[in-house]
Structure formats: structure tokens, C-alpha cells
Amino acid sequence: MSKTILRAAIAVAFALTATAADAHAQLVKATPGAGATVAAAADIRLKFSEAVEPRFSHLALTAADGATIALGPAKTEPGDATVLVAPVVKPLPPGAYAVRWRAVSVDTHHTQGEFAFTVKP
């Protein structure tokens, strides 16, 4: 009977380990938010479900006309490696903007996505 319990415990341990290893950094929250209308945006701040590696993650900001908007280097927030922040180099004029992101979690899995927001006049 004890061998059966031991085998079951080992199987559960392997199953839990495999689940954790398959995790990906999913976008939990964005600031500015998807579809939001804001007065200004000094930075793009993305919160993920797990820690991300800023050296391998990327954020891009484009205007409605397709022009690329300059962002500073993306870095994790001090004390919270689940938050990736990229400063907007110059104040954004009113208009629609698209954010494209690619995040690489510390376990090297990557996710990507995009969303839009608007800066009001």
C-alpha cells in the first residue's frame, strides 16, 4: 500500500512541475489601458502574470498614420519583475496609438500582443 501512495505522490509532483514549466507571461494589465482615452501618457506600463526578461522583451508604439513613436529602453519596475515599463520620449499629441509588445518570461517562453489607446485633445 505504501508503494502505491509513494508512486501517486511522485506522479502528482511531476504533474505540478510540468504545469509550472509550461507557464507563459500573460498580459494582466496595461497603462494606458486597451481602448482607453487618456489626457497624456508618460510611459507604457505592462503588468504580466510572471516575471519578464527586459533584455529580450520589446515594446513598440505607433501613431494612427503608422509613424513610429520613440520610446526609451524597456525596463522592469524596481522590485517587481512582472511590470515592464518603457518611457515615452516626447509628449504624445492627441490621437490614436497602437502598442505592440513581445515579452519573454524568465523561463524563456514568449508571448506577444497589441492594443490601442487614444490621447484626447
Protein backbone atom coordinates (compact mmCIF):
# COMPACT_ATOMS: atom_id res chain seq x y z
CA MET A 1 0.00 0.00 0.00
CA SER A 2 2.80 2.46 0.82
CA LYS A 3 4.39 1.94 -2.64
CA THR A 4 1.10 2.98 -4.26
CA ILE A 5 0.97 6.16 -2.17
CA LEU A 6 4.61 6.93 -2.97
CA ARG A 7 4.01 6.44 -6.70
CA ALA A 8 0.92 8.66 -6.58
CA ALA A 9 2.86 11.39 -4.74
CA ILE A 10 5.66 11.23 -7.32
CA ALA A 11 3.14 11.42 -10.19
CA VAL A 12 1.48 14.49 -8.64
CA ALA A 13 4.86 16.15 -8.13
CA PHE A 14 5.79 15.61 -11.79
CA ALA A 15 2.41 16.91 -12.95
CA LEU A 16 2.76 20.09 -10.88
CA THR A 17 6.32 20.64 -12.11
CA ALA A 18 5.27 20.25 -15.75
CA THR A 19 2.42 22.73 -15.30
CA ALA A 20 4.73 25.36 -13.81
CA ALA A 21 7.31 24.86 -16.55
CA ASP A 22 4.68 25.41 -19.28
CA ALA A 23 3.64 28.81 -17.92
CA HIS A 24 3.88 31.92 -20.08
CA ALA A 25 3.92 35.59 -19.09
CA GLN A 26 0.37 36.72 -19.91
CA LEU A 27 -0.54 40.39 -20.02
CA VAL A 28 -2.61 41.17 -16.93
CA LYS A 29 -2.92 44.96 -17.15
CA ALA A 30 -1.72 47.80 -19.37
CA THR A 31 -1.38 51.50 -18.64
CA PRO A 32 -2.69 53.22 -20.67
CA GLY A 33 -5.31 50.52 -20.88
CA ALA A 34 -6.53 48.84 -24.05
CA GLY A 35 -9.17 51.06 -25.61
CA ALA A 36 -8.61 53.81 -23.03
CA THR A 37 -8.75 57.54 -23.70
CA VAL A 38 -6.17 59.40 -21.62
CA ALA A 39 -5.07 63.00 -21.17
CA ALA A 40 -1.38 62.03 -21.51
CA ALA A 41 0.91 59.02 -21.44
CA ALA A 42 4.39 59.48 -19.97
CA ASP A 43 5.17 55.77 -20.25
CA ILE A 44 3.80 52.43 -21.37
CA ARG A 45 3.45 50.09 -18.38
CA LEU A 46 2.61 46.41 -18.82
CA LYS A 47 1.90 44.04 -15.92
CA PHE A 48 2.41 40.34 -16.64
CA SER A 49 1.38 37.18 -14.81
CA GLU A 50 5.03 36.31 -14.17
CA ALA A 51 8.47 37.92 -14.27
CA VAL A 52 9.78 39.04 -17.65
CA GLU A 53 13.29 39.49 -19.00
CA PRO A 54 13.60 43.11 -20.22
CA ARG A 55 16.69 42.42 -22.35
CA PHE A 56 14.64 40.14 -24.58
CA SER A 57 11.25 41.85 -24.34
CA HIS A 58 10.16 44.62 -26.69
CA LEU A 59 7.59 47.42 -26.85
CA ALA A 60 6.75 49.48 -29.94
CA LEU A 61 4.44 52.47 -30.16
CA THR A 62 2.97 53.73 -33.42
CA ALA A 63 0.65 56.60 -34.31
CA ALA A 64 -2.51 56.17 -36.39
CA ASP A 65 -0.57 57.15 -39.54
CA GLY A 66 1.94 54.34 -38.90
CA ALA A 67 4.74 56.62 -37.66
CA THR A 68 6.95 55.04 -35.00
CA ILE A 69 6.96 56.90 -31.69
CA ALA A 70 10.25 56.89 -29.79
CA LEU A 71 10.31 55.01 -26.51
CA GLY A 72 13.12 54.76 -24.01
CA PRO A 73 14.56 51.35 -23.13
CA ALA A 74 12.08 48.95 -21.57
CA LYS A 75 12.96 48.01 -18.01
CA THR A 76 11.26 46.11 -15.25
CA GLU A 77 9.94 48.15 -12.37
CA PRO A 78 12.33 48.12 -9.39
CA GLY A 79 11.18 45.42 -7.00
CA ASP A 80 8.62 43.95 -9.42
CA ALA A 81 9.95 41.99 -12.41
CA THR A 82 6.37 41.37 -13.60
CA VAL A 83 5.99 45.02 -14.68
CA LEU A 84 7.69 46.18 -17.88
CA VAL A 85 7.93 49.95 -18.35
CA ALA A 86 9.06 51.97 -21.37
CA PRO A 87 9.10 55.78 -21.11
CA VAL A 88 7.62 57.84 -23.94
CA VAL A 89 10.47 60.11 -25.08
CA LYS A 90 8.34 63.13 -26.12
CA PRO A 91 4.81 64.11 -25.06
CA LEU A 92 2.21 62.49 -27.28
CA PRO A 93 -0.02 64.78 -29.33
CA PRO A 94 -3.74 63.99 -29.37
CA GLY A 95 -4.60 60.97 -31.49
CA ALA A 96 -4.81 57.20 -31.67
CA TYR A 97 -1.83 54.98 -30.84
CA ALA A 98 -1.06 51.28 -31.06
CA VAL A 99 1.21 49.37 -28.70
CA ARG A 100 2.82 46.15 -29.88
CA TRP A 101 4.65 44.07 -27.31
CA ARG A 102 6.64 40.90 -27.08
CA ALA A 103 7.50 39.60 -23.62
CA VAL A 104 9.99 36.89 -22.78
CA SER A 105 9.47 35.42 -19.34
CA VAL A 106 12.40 34.42 -17.15
CA ASP A 107 11.82 30.80 -18.18
CA THR A 108 12.38 31.91 -21.84
CA HIS A 109 8.80 31.45 -23.07
CA HIS A 110 7.46 34.37 -25.10
CA THR A 111 4.08 35.94 -25.64
CA GLN A 112 3.06 38.87 -27.76
CA GLY A 113 0.12 41.11 -28.44
CA GLU A 114 -1.09 44.57 -29.27
CA PHE A 115 -3.69 47.07 -28.15
CA ALA A 116 -4.69 50.65 -28.88
CA PHE A 117 -5.38 53.74 -26.83
CA THR A 118 -6.19 57.38 -27.56
CA VAL A 119 -4.75 60.63 -26.24
CA LYS A 120 -7.54 63.19 -26.05
CA PRO A 121 -7.19 66.79 -27.21
